[in-house]
Amino acid sequence: MIRVFILAIAIYAQPLVDEDVLEPSVRNEVDRALTLTPSNDFARASASIKEGKVDFGLFGLTNGVSKTDAAISIVSSQRSDGRWYSGTNDVTSAAAAILMWSCH
């Protein structure tokens, strides 16, 4: 009986994971992706964040997506040249804006 009680307390006491706070490993990948982003696109992304214009739709995401899920999706689709594409369209500024949003 005591073992069950201790187990129940241990399970209950586990901290809940907040999907809107990036884990250190995910944050490192986001930071790395942003350092590979061309400076002009980075500047445009910064302006988009300040204006509150983040375009999730380009990546099939909704504005209700968790920051962790958005960051993982965007980081994993970055190309080796530091850019993101949707078909043949360069959407690097929008991707960088989503990554910046995920860090705040």
Protein backbone atom coordinates (compact mmCIF):
# COMPACT_ATOMS: atom_id res chain seq x y z
CA MET A 1 0.00 0.00 0.00
CA ILE A 2 2.80 2.41 0.87
CA ARG A 3 4.59 1.61 -2.40
CA VAL A 4 1.49 2.46 -4.40
CA PHE A 5 1.13 5.72 -2.49
CA ILE A 6 4.80 6.67 -3.11
CA LEU A 7 4.46 5.77 -6.79
CA ALA A 8 1.32 7.88 -7.08
CA ILE A 9 3.08 10.86 -5.49
CA ALA A 10 6.11 10.42 -7.78
CA ILE A 11 3.93 10.34 -10.90
CA TYR A 12 1.85 13.29 -9.75
CA ALA A 13 4.93 15.34 -8.82
CA GLN A 14 6.47 15.09 -12.30
CA PRO A 15 6.65 18.54 -13.90
CA LEU A 16 4.48 19.02 -16.94
CA VAL A 17 6.25 19.81 -20.18
CA ASP A 18 5.30 23.18 -21.62
CA GLU A 19 5.25 22.86 -25.42
CA ASP A 20 5.62 26.63 -25.71
CA VAL A 21 9.02 26.63 -24.02
CA LEU A 22 11.78 25.22 -26.20
CA GLU A 23 13.99 22.57 -24.67
CA PRO A 24 17.71 23.44 -24.80
CA SER A 25 18.43 21.01 -27.64
CA VAL A 26 15.61 22.44 -29.78
CA ARG A 27 16.67 25.99 -28.91
CA ASN A 28 20.22 25.19 -30.04
CA GLU A 29 18.93 23.94 -33.39
CA VAL A 30 16.78 27.06 -33.80
CA ASP A 31 19.75 29.31 -33.02
CA ARG A 32 21.90 27.41 -35.51
CA ALA A 33 19.23 27.67 -38.22
CA LEU A 34 18.91 31.41 -37.63
CA THR A 35 22.68 31.91 -37.91
CA LEU A 36 22.56 30.26 -41.34
CA THR A 37 19.75 32.56 -42.49
CA PRO A 38 20.91 35.27 -44.92
CA SER A 39 21.06 38.68 -43.24
CA ASN A 40 18.47 40.37 -45.50
CA ASP A 41 15.91 37.68 -44.74
CA PHE A 42 16.76 37.84 -41.05
CA ALA A 43 16.09 41.60 -41.06
CA ARG A 44 12.75 41.10 -42.85
CA ALA A 45 11.79 38.42 -40.34
CA SER A 46 12.60 40.76 -37.45
CA ALA A 47 10.34 43.39 -38.98
CA SER A 48 7.54 40.84 -39.41
CA ILE A 49 7.77 39.87 -35.75
CA LYS A 50 7.59 43.51 -34.64
CA GLU A 51 4.51 44.04 -36.80
CA GLY A 52 2.91 40.81 -35.55
CA LYS A 53 2.80 39.29 -39.04
CA VAL A 54 3.91 35.68 -38.87
CA ASP A 55 2.75 33.56 -41.83
CA PHE A 56 2.24 30.03 -40.54
CA GLY A 57 0.18 28.99 -43.56
CA LEU A 58 3.22 28.78 -45.86
CA PHE A 59 4.34 25.73 -43.91
CA GLY A 60 0.97 24.10 -43.34
CA LEU A 61 0.92 25.27 -39.72
CA THR A 62 -1.83 27.11 -37.88
CA ASN A 63 -1.31 29.90 -35.38
CA GLY A 64 -2.45 27.44 -32.70
CA VAL A 65 0.60 25.23 -33.18
CA SER A 66 2.93 24.86 -30.21
CA LYS A 67 6.24 26.67 -30.42
CA THR A 68 8.16 23.42 -30.10
CA ASP A 69 6.28 21.73 -32.96
CA ALA A 70 6.66 24.78 -35.19
CA ALA A 71 10.39 25.07 -34.47
CA ILE A 72 11.06 21.40 -35.17
CA SER A 73 9.07 21.51 -38.40
CA ILE A 74 10.79 24.64 -39.68
CA VAL A 75 14.34 23.69 -38.66
CA SER A 76 14.04 20.29 -40.29
CA SER A 77 13.00 21.81 -43.63
CA GLN A 78 15.93 24.25 -43.92
CA ARG A 79 18.19 23.66 -46.91
CA SER A 80 21.98 23.53 -46.77
CA ASP A 81 22.26 27.09 -48.12
CA GLY A 82 20.29 28.44 -45.12
CA ARG A 83 17.09 29.04 -47.07
CA TRP A 84 13.60 27.60 -46.98
CA TYR A 85 11.43 26.95 -50.04
CA SER A 86 7.78 26.18 -50.56
CA GLY A 87 7.79 24.63 -54.00
CA THR A 88 9.89 27.09 -55.98
CA ASN A 89 9.07 30.08 -53.76
CA ASP A 90 11.74 31.33 -51.37
CA VAL A 91 10.03 31.64 -47.97
CA THR A 92 13.15 32.18 -45.89
CA SER A 93 11.89 35.38 -44.24
CA ALA A 94 8.66 33.70 -43.13
CA ALA A 95 10.54 30.67 -41.78
CA ALA A 96 12.96 32.86 -39.83
CA ALA A 97 10.02 34.83 -38.41
CA ILE A 98 8.41 31.62 -37.15
CA LEU A 99 11.69 30.54 -35.55
CA MET A 100 12.05 33.93 -33.86
CA TRP A 101 8.44 33.70 -32.65
CA SER A 102 9.13 30.24 -31.23
CA CYS A 103 11.95 31.63 -29.08
CA HIS A 104 9.76 34.23 -27.35
